[in-house]
Amino acid sequence: VAVSGAAVSGLALAPLLPPALDSYGWRGALLLLAAVSLHLVAAAALLRPPPRTPPEPPEPSGTLLRLLRHGPFLRYAAAFALLDLGYYVPFVHGA
């Protein structure tokens, strides 16, 4: 389901990108695509299920460092970074 969303957005963005390139240039078009991606991240954060247990007290700082050392998270983040690189670059440079 998540991967099919990328294909649907590709179909929607393909006809909208040439006018964006004509109006804003390649830098503006990339900023526009980045803004769309940022809004999608915020919308995806709202899709989390509500917690079933009372929230635990916050852990001490260093949680981000622990996450950046977690192998599965790094592979997941690298895969999506490469996916985004290969996804947006052909649309922008193809025109």
PDB file of N, CA and C in Angstrom:
ATOM      1  N   VAL A   1       0.833  -1.185   0.000  1.00  0.00           N
ATOM      2  CA  VAL A   1       0.000   0.000   0.000  1.00  0.00           C
ATOM      3  C   VAL A   1       0.875   1.245   0.000  1.00  0.00           C
ATOM      4  N   ALA A   2       1.937   1.247   0.792  1.00  0.00           N
ATOM      5  CA  ALA A   2       2.790   2.429   0.870  1.00  0.00           C
ATOM      6  C   ALA A   2       3.532   2.678  -0.438  1.00  0.00           C
ATOM      7  N   VAL A   3       3.973   1.627  -1.091  1.00  0.00           N
ATOM      8  CA  VAL A   3       4.713   1.797  -2.336  1.00  0.00           C
ATOM      9  C   VAL A   3       3.775   2.214  -3.465  1.00  0.00           C
ATOM     10  N   SER A   4       2.531   1.774  -3.443  1.00  0.00           N
ATOM     11  CA  SER A   4       1.593   2.182  -4.485  1.00  0.00           C
ATOM     12  C   SER A   4       1.283   3.669  -4.389  1.00  0.00           C
ATOM     13  N   GLY A   5       1.392   4.251  -3.222  1.00  0.00           N
ATOM     14  CA  GLY A   5       1.198   5.694  -3.083  1.00  0.00           C
ATOM     15  C   GLY A   5       2.233   6.479  -3.849  1.00  0.00           C
ATOM     16  N   ALA A   6       3.459   5.982  -3.910  1.00  0.00           N
ATOM     17  CA  ALA A   6       4.502   6.660  -4.679  1.00  0.00           C
ATOM     18  C   ALA A   6       4.176   6.619  -6.167  1.00  0.00           C
ATOM     19  N   ALA A   7       3.627   5.513  -6.660  1.00  0.00           N
ATOM     20  CA  ALA A   7       3.276   5.424  -8.074  1.00  0.00           C
ATOM     21  C   ALA A   7       2.120   6.361  -8.412  1.00  0.00           C
ATOM     22  N   VAL A   8       1.149   6.448  -7.530  1.00  0.00           N
ATOM     23  CA  VAL A   8       0.015   7.340  -7.771  1.00  0.00           C
ATOM     24  C   VAL A   8       0.471   8.797  -7.759  1.00  0.00           C
ATOM     25  N   SER A   9       1.327   9.158  -6.827  1.00  0.00           N
ATOM     26  CA  SER A   9       1.813  10.541  -6.803  1.00  0.00           C
ATOM     27  C   SER A   9       2.690  10.827  -8.016  1.00  0.00           C
ATOM     28  N   GLY A  10       3.404   9.832  -8.521  1.00  0.00           N
ATOM     29  CA  GLY A  10       4.176  10.030  -9.745  1.00  0.00           C
ATOM     30  C   GLY A  10       3.282  10.327 -10.933  1.00  0.00           C
ATOM     31  N   LEU A  11       2.142   9.644 -11.001  1.00  0.00           N
ATOM     32  CA  LEU A  11       1.191   9.935 -12.075  1.00  0.00           C
ATOM     33  C   LEU A  11       0.593  11.331 -11.927  1.00  0.00           C
ATOM     34  N   ALA A  12       0.399  11.774 -10.707  1.00  0.00           N
ATOM     35  CA  ALA A  12      -0.179  13.098 -10.478  1.00  0.00           C
ATOM     36  C   ALA A  12       0.857  14.207 -10.691  1.00  0.00           C
ATOM     37  N   LEU A  13       2.109  13.962 -10.305  1.00  0.00           N
ATOM     38  CA  LEU A  13       3.126  15.010 -10.417  1.00  0.00           C
ATOM     39  C   LEU A  13       3.709  15.144 -11.820  1.00  0.00           C
ATOM     40  N   ALA A  14       3.656  14.096 -12.631  1.00  0.00           N
ATOM     41  CA  ALA A  14       4.271  14.156 -13.958  1.00  0.00           C
ATOM     42  C   ALA A  14       3.669  15.259 -14.830  1.00  0.00           C
ATOM     43  N   PRO A  15       2.343  15.412 -14.907  1.00  0.00           N
ATOM     44  CA  PRO A  15       1.825  16.513 -15.735  1.00  0.00           C
ATOM     45  C   PRO A  15       1.954  17.883 -15.072  1.00  0.00           C
ATOM     46  N   LEU A  16       2.140  17.918 -13.745  1.00  0.00           N
ATOM     47  CA  LEU A  16       2.243  19.210 -13.057  1.00  0.00           C
ATOM     48  C   LEU A  16       3.660  19.762 -13.028  1.00  0.00           C
ATOM     49  N   LEU A  17       4.640  18.927 -13.271  1.00  0.00           N
ATOM     50  CA  LEU A  17       6.018  19.381 -13.153  1.00  0.00           C
ATOM     51  C   LEU A  17       6.486  20.271 -14.303  1.00  0.00           C
ATOM     52  N   PRO A  18       6.164  20.017 -15.569  1.00  0.00           N
ATOM     53  CA  PRO A  18       6.615  20.945 -16.621  1.00  0.00           C
ATOM     54  C   PRO A  18       6.129  22.389 -16.430  1.00  0.00           C
ATOM     55  N   PRO A  19       4.861  22.634 -16.056  1.00  0.00           N
ATOM     56  CA  PRO A  19       4.487  24.027 -15.783  1.00  0.00           C
ATOM     57  C   PRO A  19       5.239  24.619 -14.584  1.00  0.00           C
ATOM     58  N   ALA A  20       5.524  23.791 -13.579  1.00  0.00           N
ATOM     59  CA  ALA A  20       6.280  24.283 -12.427  1.00  0.00           C
ATOM     60  C   ALA A  20       7.701  24.647 -12.843  1.00  0.00           C
ATOM     61  N   LEU A  21       8.299  23.838 -13.721  1.00  0.00           N
ATOM     62  CA  LEU A  21       9.639  24.154 -14.220  1.00  0.00           C
ATOM     63  C   LEU A  21       9.630  25.442 -15.031  1.00  0.00           C
ATOM     64  N   ASP A  22       8.593  25.655 -15.833  1.00  0.00           N
ATOM     65  CA  ASP A  22       8.505  26.886 -16.625  1.00  0.00           C
ATOM     66  C   ASP A  22       8.294  28.108 -15.736  1.00  0.00           C
ATOM     67  N   SER A  23       7.511  27.945 -14.694  1.00  0.00           N
ATOM     68  CA  SER A  23       7.188  29.086 -13.830  1.00  0.00           C
ATOM     69  C   SER A  23       8.276  29.400 -12.815  1.00  0.00           C
ATOM     70  N   TYR A  24       8.844  28.356 -12.172  1.00  0.00           N
ATOM     71  CA  TYR A  24       9.750  28.567 -11.043  1.00  0.00           C
ATOM     72  C   TYR A  24      11.192  28.182 -11.320  1.00  0.00           C
ATOM     73  N   GLY A  25      11.473  27.531 -12.427  1.00  0.00           N
ATOM     74  CA  GLY A  25      12.829  27.034 -12.685  1.00  0.00           C
ATOM     75  C   GLY A  25      13.041  25.724 -11.948  1.00  0.00           C
ATOM     76  N   TRP A  26      14.212  25.115 -12.177  1.00  0.00           N
ATOM     77  CA  TRP A  26      14.433  23.805 -11.570  1.00  0.00           C
ATOM     78  C   TRP A  26      14.601  23.887 -10.067  1.00  0.00           C
ATOM     79  N   ARG A  27      15.195  24.961  -9.570  1.00  0.00           N
ATOM     80  CA  ARG A  27      15.339  25.080  -8.108  1.00  0.00           C
ATOM     81  C   ARG A  27      13.983  25.277  -7.426  1.00  0.00           C
ATOM     82  N   GLY A  28      13.166  26.114  -8.007  1.00  0.00           N
ATOM     83  CA  GLY A  28      11.835  26.335  -7.441  1.00  0.00           C
ATOM     84  C   GLY A  28      10.972  25.090  -7.507  1.00  0.00           C
ATOM     85  N   ALA A  29      11.099  24.336  -8.624  1.00  0.00           N
ATOM     86  CA  ALA A  29      10.321  23.099  -8.741  1.00  0.00           C
ATOM     87  C   ALA A  29      10.763  22.080  -7.694  1.00  0.00           C
ATOM     88  N   LEU A  30      12.067  21.985  -7.450  1.00  0.00           N
ATOM     89  CA  LEU A  30      12.536  21.071  -6.404  1.00  0.00           C
ATOM     90  C   LEU A  30      12.079  21.524  -5.019  1.00  0.00           C
ATOM     91  N   LEU A  31      12.070  22.832  -4.786  1.00  0.00           N
ATOM     92  CA  LEU A  31      11.554  23.331  -3.509  1.00  0.00           C
ATOM     93  C   LEU A  31      10.065  23.017  -3.360  1.00  0.00           C
ATOM     94  N   LEU A  32       9.335  23.113  -4.465  1.00  0.00           N
ATOM     95  CA  LEU A  32       7.921  22.771  -4.426  1.00  0.00           C
ATOM     96  C   LEU A  32       7.721  21.292  -4.111  1.00  0.00           C
ATOM     97  N   LEU A  33       8.508  20.418  -4.724  1.00  0.00           N
ATOM     98  CA  LEU A  33       8.425  18.986  -4.424  1.00  0.00           C
ATOM     99  C   LEU A  33       8.835  18.695  -2.980  1.00  0.00           C
ATOM    100  N   ALA A  34       9.831  19.422  -2.489  1.00  0.00           N
ATOM    101  CA  ALA A  34      10.245  19.243  -1.097  1.00  0.00           C
ATOM    102  C   ALA A  34       9.134  19.674  -0.144  1.00  0.00           C
ATOM    103  N   ALA A  35       8.427  20.749  -0.484  1.00  0.00           N
ATOM    104  CA  ALA A  35       7.321  21.201   0.362  1.00  0.00           C
ATOM    105  C   ALA A  35       6.197  20.166   0.389  1.00  0.00           C
ATOM    106  N   VAL A  36       5.919  19.564  -0.769  1.00  0.00           N
ATOM    107  CA  VAL A  36       4.895  18.519  -0.813  1.00  0.00           C
ATOM    108  C   VAL A  36       5.322  17.341   0.061  1.00  0.00           C
ATOM    109  N   SER A  37       6.591  16.946  -0.036  1.00  0.00           N
ATOM    110  CA  SER A  37       7.087  15.832   0.779  1.00  0.00           C
ATOM    111  C   SER A  37       7.014  16.160   2.269  1.00  0.00           C
ATOM    112  N   LEU A  38       7.357  17.387   2.630  1.00  0.00           N
ATOM    113  CA  LEU A  38       7.306  17.777   4.033  1.00  0.00           C
ATOM    114  C   LEU A  38       5.877  17.727   4.563  1.00  0.00           C
ATOM    115  N   HIS A  39       4.924  18.166   3.777  1.00  0.00           N
ATOM    116  CA  HIS A  39       3.536  18.093   4.210  1.00  0.00           C
ATOM    117  C   HIS A  39       3.062  16.646   4.320  1.00  0.00           C
ATOM    118  N   LEU A  40       3.552  15.783   3.458  1.00  0.00           N
ATOM    119  CA  LEU A  40       3.183  14.377   3.555  1.00  0.00           C
ATOM    120  C   LEU A  40       3.751  13.730   4.812  1.00  0.00           C
ATOM    121  N   VAL A  41       4.932  14.164   5.237  1.00  0.00           N
ATOM    122  CA  VAL A  41       5.504  13.634   6.477  1.00  0.00           C
ATOM    123  C   VAL A  41       4.630  14.037   7.665  1.00  0.00           C
ATOM    124  N   ALA A  42       4.188  15.286   7.667  1.00  0.00           N
ATOM    125  CA  ALA A  42       3.327  15.741   8.760  1.00  0.00           C
ATOM    126  C   ALA A  42       1.997  14.987   8.752  1.00  0.00           C
ATOM    127  N   ALA A  43       1.449  14.749   7.561  1.00  0.00           N
ATOM    128  CA  ALA A  43       0.189  14.004   7.480  1.00  0.00           C
ATOM    129  C   ALA A  43       0.387  12.551   7.905  1.00  0.00           C
ATOM    130  N   ALA A  44       1.516  11.960   7.548  1.00  0.00           N
ATOM    131  CA  ALA A  44       1.781  10.573   7.932  1.00  0.00           C
ATOM    132  C   ALA A  44       1.962  10.444   9.440  1.00  0.00           C
ATOM    133  N   ALA A  45       2.494  11.476  10.085  1.00  0.00           N
ATOM    134  CA  ALA A  45       2.670  11.422  11.534  1.00  0.00           C
ATOM    135  C   ALA A  45       1.325  11.365  12.253  1.00  0.00           C
ATOM    136  N   LEU A  46       0.285  11.872  11.630  1.00  0.00           N
ATOM    137  CA  LEU A  46      -1.042  11.825  12.241  1.00  0.00           C
ATOM    138  C   LEU A  46      -1.690  10.454  12.137  1.00  0.00           C
ATOM    139  N   LEU A  47      -1.128   9.563  11.338  1.00  0.00           N
ATOM    140  CA  LEU A  47      -1.708   8.246  11.131  1.00  0.00           C
ATOM    141  C   LEU A  47      -1.293   7.226  12.188  1.00  0.00           C
ATOM    142  N   ARG A  48      -0.513   7.643  13.161  1.00  0.00           N
ATOM    143  CA  ARG A  48      -0.096   6.723  14.215  1.00  0.00           C
ATOM    144  C   ARG A  48      -1.292   6.321  15.056  1.00  0.00           C
ATOM    145  N   PRO A  49      -1.359   5.063  15.459  1.00  0.00           N
ATOM    146  CA  PRO A  49      -2.478   4.663  16.326  1.00  0.00           C
ATOM    147  C   PRO A  49      -2.317   5.266  17.713  1.00  0.00           C
ATOM    148  N   PRO A  50      -3.414   5.498  18.392  1.00  0.00           N
ATOM    149  CA  PRO A  50      -3.308   6.067  19.744  1.00  0.00           C
ATOM    150  C   PRO A  50      -2.661   5.068  20.697  1.00  0.00           C
ATOM    151  N   PRO A  51      -1.919   5.540  21.675  1.00  0.00           N
ATOM    152  CA  PRO A  51      -1.283   4.610  22.622  1.00  0.00           C
ATOM    153  C   PRO A  51      -2.329   3.914  23.483  1.00  0.00           C
ATOM    154  N   ARG A  52      -2.093   2.634  23.751  1.00  0.00           N
ATOM    155  CA  ARG A  52      -3.037   1.854  24.566  1.00  0.00           C
ATOM    156  C   ARG A  52      -2.664   1.876  26.045  1.00  0.00           C
ATOM    157  N   THR A  53      -1.428   2.143  26.325  1.00  0.00           N
ATOM    158  CA  THR A  53      -0.986   2.196  27.715  1.00  0.00           C
ATOM    159  C   THR A  53      -0.639   3.634  28.063  1.00  0.00           C
ATOM    160  N   PRO A  54      -0.605   3.943  29.329  1.00  0.00           N
ATOM    161  CA  PRO A  54      -0.212   5.305  29.691  1.00  0.00           C
ATOM    162  C   PRO A  54       1.209   5.579  29.207  1.00  0.00           C
ATOM    163  N   PRO A  55       1.472   6.794  28.760  1.00  0.00           N
ATOM    164  CA  PRO A  55       2.813   7.089  28.258  1.00  0.00           C
ATOM    165  C   PRO A  55       3.860   6.958  29.348  1.00  0.00           C
ATOM    166  N   GLU A  56       5.004   6.460  28.928  1.00  0.00           N
ATOM    167  CA  GLU A  56       6.120   6.321  29.866  1.00  0.00           C
ATOM    168  C   GLU A  56       6.823   7.665  30.000  1.00  0.00           C
ATOM    169  N   PRO A  57       7.520   7.854  31.102  1.00  0.00           N
ATOM    170  CA  PRO A  57       8.254   9.118  31.225  1.00  0.00           C
ATOM    171  C   PRO A  57       9.313   9.202  30.128  1.00  0.00           C
ATOM    172  N   PRO A  58       9.624  10.407  29.681  1.00  0.00           N
ATOM    173  CA  PRO A  58      10.604  10.542  28.599  1.00  0.00           C
ATOM    174  C   PRO A  58      11.960   9.992  29.004  1.00  0.00           C
ATOM    175  N   GLU A  59      12.598   9.372  28.021  1.00  0.00           N
ATOM    176  CA  GLU A  59      13.930   8.824  28.272  1.00  0.00           C
ATOM    177  C   GLU A  59      14.948   9.951  28.277  1.00  0.00           C
ATOM    178  N   PRO A  60      16.087   9.729  28.877  1.00  0.00           N
ATOM    179  CA  PRO A  60      17.101  10.778  28.878  1.00  0.00           C
ATOM    180  C   PRO A  60      17.577  11.074  27.461  1.00  0.00           C
ATOM    181  N   SER A  61      18.218  12.231  27.304  1.00  0.00           N
ATOM    182  CA  SER A  61      18.702  12.611  25.972  1.00  0.00           C
ATOM    183  C   SER A  61      19.682  11.564  25.460  1.00  0.00           C
ATOM    184  N   GLY A  62      19.840  11.521  24.181  1.00  0.00           N
ATOM    185  CA  GLY A  62      20.659  10.493  23.577  1.00  0.00           C
ATOM    186  C   GLY A  62      19.825   9.494  22.814  1.00  0.00           C
ATOM    187  N   THR A  63      18.491   9.688  22.798  1.00  0.00           N
ATOM    188  CA  THR A  63      17.616   8.784  22.074  1.00  0.00           C
ATOM    189  C   THR A  63      17.894   8.856  20.584  1.00  0.00           C
ATOM    190  N   LEU A  64      18.139  10.053  20.065  1.00  0.00           N
ATOM    191  CA  LEU A  64      18.442  10.206  18.649  1.00  0.00           C
ATOM    192  C   LEU A  64      19.750   9.507  18.297  1.00  0.00           C
ATOM    193  N   LEU A  65      20.723   9.611  19.161  1.00  0.00           N
ATOM    194  CA  LEU A  65      21.993   8.931  18.892  1.00  0.00           C
ATOM    195  C   LEU A  65      21.814   7.417  18.894  1.00  0.00           C
ATOM    196  N   ARG A  66      20.979   6.919  19.780  1.00  0.00           N
ATOM    197  CA  ARG A  66      20.721   5.486  19.816  1.00  0.00           C
ATOM    198  C   ARG A  66      20.000   5.045  18.538  1.00  0.00           C
ATOM    199  N   LEU A  67      19.085   5.886  18.057  1.00  0.00           N
ATOM    200  CA  LEU A  67      18.378   5.570  16.823  1.00  0.00           C
ATOM    201  C   LEU A  67      19.325   5.586  15.624  1.00  0.00           C
ATOM    202  N   LEU A  68      20.268   6.513  15.608  1.00  0.00           N
ATOM    203  CA  LEU A  68      21.210   6.590  14.493  1.00  0.00           C
ATOM    204  C   LEU A  68      22.220   5.447  14.515  1.00  0.00           C
ATOM    205  N   ARG A  69      22.334   4.739  15.614  1.00  0.00           N
ATOM    206  CA  ARG A  69      23.201   3.554  15.683  1.00  0.00           C
ATOM    207  C   ARG A  69      22.435   2.261  15.428  1.00  0.00           C
ATOM    208  N   HIS A  70      21.131   2.346  15.282  1.00  0.00           N
ATOM    209  CA  HIS A  70      20.281   1.172  15.093  1.00  0.00           C
ATOM    210  C   HIS A  70      20.340   0.762  13.619  1.00  0.00           C
ATOM    211  N   GLY A  71      20.857  -0.423  13.344  1.00  0.00           N
ATOM    212  CA  GLY A  71      21.083  -0.887  11.977  1.00  0.00           C
ATOM    213  C   GLY A  71      19.834  -0.929  11.111  1.00  0.00           C
ATOM    214  N   PRO A  72      18.725  -1.529  11.570  1.00  0.00           N
ATOM    215  CA  PRO A  72      17.531  -1.562  10.723  1.00  0.00           C
ATOM    216  C   PRO A  72      16.999  -0.173  10.375  1.00  0.00           C
ATOM    217  N   PHE A  73      17.068   0.761  11.309  1.00  0.00           N
ATOM    218  CA  PHE A  73      16.618   2.119  11.002  1.00  0.00           C
ATOM    219  C   PHE A  73      17.509   2.764   9.945  1.00  0.00           C
ATOM    220  N   LEU A  74      18.812   2.564  10.044  1.00  0.00           N
ATOM    221  CA  LEU A  74      19.719   3.152   9.051  1.00  0.00           C
ATOM    222  C   LEU A  74      19.469   2.570   7.663  1.00  0.00           C
ATOM    223  N   ARG A  75      19.228   1.271   7.574  1.00  0.00           N
ATOM    224  CA  ARG A  75      18.917   0.665   6.274  1.00  0.00           C
ATOM    225  C   ARG A  75      17.595   1.202   5.726  1.00  0.00           C
ATOM    226  N   TYR A  76      16.619   1.358   6.587  1.00  0.00           N
ATOM    227  CA  TYR A  76      15.317   1.888   6.181  1.00  0.00           C
ATOM    228  C   TYR A  76      15.457   3.329   5.680  1.00  0.00           C
ATOM    229  N   ALA A  77      16.184   4.157   6.421  1.00  0.00           N
ATOM    230  CA  ALA A  77      16.367   5.552   6.027  1.00  0.00           C
ATOM    231  C   ALA A  77      17.175   5.661   4.734  1.00  0.00           C
ATOM    232  N   ALA A  78      18.205   4.846   4.580  1.00  0.00           N
ATOM    233  CA  ALA A  78      19.010   4.884   3.354  1.00  0.00           C
ATOM    234  C   ALA A  78      18.188   4.428   2.154  1.00  0.00           C
ATOM    235  N   ALA A  79      17.355   3.421   2.336  1.00  0.00           N
ATOM    236  CA  ALA A  79      16.525   2.945   1.229  1.00  0.00           C
ATOM    237  C   ALA A  79      15.562   4.028   0.763  1.00  0.00           C
ATOM    238  N   PHE A  80      14.952   4.728   1.685  1.00  0.00           N
ATOM    239  CA  PHE A  80      14.027   5.773   1.269  1.00  0.00           C
ATOM    240  C   PHE A  80      14.750   6.994   0.727  1.00  0.00           C
ATOM    241  N   ALA A  81      15.948   7.289   1.203  1.00  0.00           N
ATOM    242  CA  ALA A  81      16.717   8.390   0.623  1.00  0.00           C
ATOM    243  C   ALA A  81      17.078   8.072  -0.829  1.00  0.00           C
ATOM    244  N   LEU A  82      17.499   6.847  -1.096  1.00  0.00           N
ATOM    245  CA  LEU A  82      17.808   6.458  -2.477  1.00  0.00           C
ATOM    246  C   LEU A  82      16.541   6.416  -3.329  1.00  0.00           C
ATOM    247  N   LEU A  83      15.433   6.003  -2.756  1.00  0.00           N
ATOM    248  CA  LEU A  83      14.175   5.984  -3.490  1.00  0.00           C
ATOM    249  C   LEU A  83      13.772   7.395  -3.888  1.00  0.00           C
ATOM    250  N   ASP A  84      13.871   8.336  -2.965  1.00  0.00           N
ATOM    251  CA  ASP A  84      13.525   9.718  -3.284  1.00  0.00           C
ATOM    252  C   ASP A  84      14.481  10.310  -4.314  1.00  0.00           C
ATOM    253  N   LEU A  85      15.737   9.983  -4.236  1.00  0.00           N
ATOM    254  CA  LEU A  85      16.712  10.491  -5.198  1.00  0.00           C
ATOM    255  C   LEU A  85      16.370  10.002  -6.599  1.00  0.00           C
ATOM    256  N   GLY A  86      16.075   8.732  -6.729  1.00  0.00           N
ATOM    257  CA  GLY A  86      15.738   8.191  -8.026  1.00  0.00           C
ATOM    258  C   GLY A  86      14.341   8.551  -8.487  1.00  0.00           C
ATOM    259  N   TYR A  87      13.511   9.002  -7.566  1.00  0.00           N
ATOM    260  CA  TYR A  87      12.116   9.297  -7.893  1.00  0.00           C
ATOM    261  C   TYR A  87      11.946  10.715  -8.423  1.00  0.00           C
ATOM    262  N   TYR A  88      12.589  11.693  -7.805  1.00  0.00           N
ATOM    263  CA  TYR A  88      12.386  13.081  -8.198  1.00  0.00           C
ATOM    264  C   TYR A  88      13.338  13.543  -9.294  1.00  0.00           C
ATOM    265  N   VAL A  89      14.546  13.032  -9.338  1.00  0.00           N
ATOM    266  CA  VAL A  89      15.530  13.533 -10.287  1.00  0.00           C
ATOM    267  C   VAL A  89      15.107  13.320 -11.738  1.00  0.00           C
ATOM    268  N   PRO A  90      14.588  12.147 -12.146  1.00  0.00           N
ATOM    269  CA  PRO A  90      14.201  12.024 -13.557  1.00  0.00           C
ATOM    270  C   PRO A  90      13.099  12.987 -13.984  1.00  0.00           C
ATOM    271  N   PHE A  91      12.142  13.307 -13.115  1.00  0.00           N
ATOM    272  CA  PHE A  91      11.084  14.233 -13.479  1.00  0.00           C
ATOM    273  C   PHE A  91      11.639  15.627 -13.731  1.00  0.00           C
ATOM    274  N   VAL A  92      12.543  16.061 -12.881  1.00  0.00           N
ATOM    275  CA  VAL A  92      13.050  17.422 -12.988  1.00  0.00           C
ATOM    276  C   VAL A  92      14.014  17.548 -14.167  1.00  0.00           C
ATOM    277  N   HIS A  93      14.928  16.618 -14.305  1.00  0.00           N
ATOM    278  CA  HIS A  93      15.932  16.732 -15.349  1.00  0.00           C
ATOM    279  C   HIS A  93      15.443  16.196 -16.687  1.00  0.00           C
ATOM    280  N   GLY A  94      14.373  15.426 -16.684  1.00  0.00           N
ATOM    281  CA  GLY A  94      13.836  14.927 -17.942  1.00  0.00           C
ATOM    282  C   GLY A  94      13.197  16.022 -18.765  1.00  0.00           C
ATOM    283  N   ALA A  95      12.646  17.023 -18.112  1.00  0.00           N
ATOM    284  CA  ALA A  95      12.012  18.125 -18.839  1.00  0.00           C
ATOM    285  C   ALA A  95      13.069  19.036 -19.404  1.00  0.00           C
TER     286      ALA A  95
END
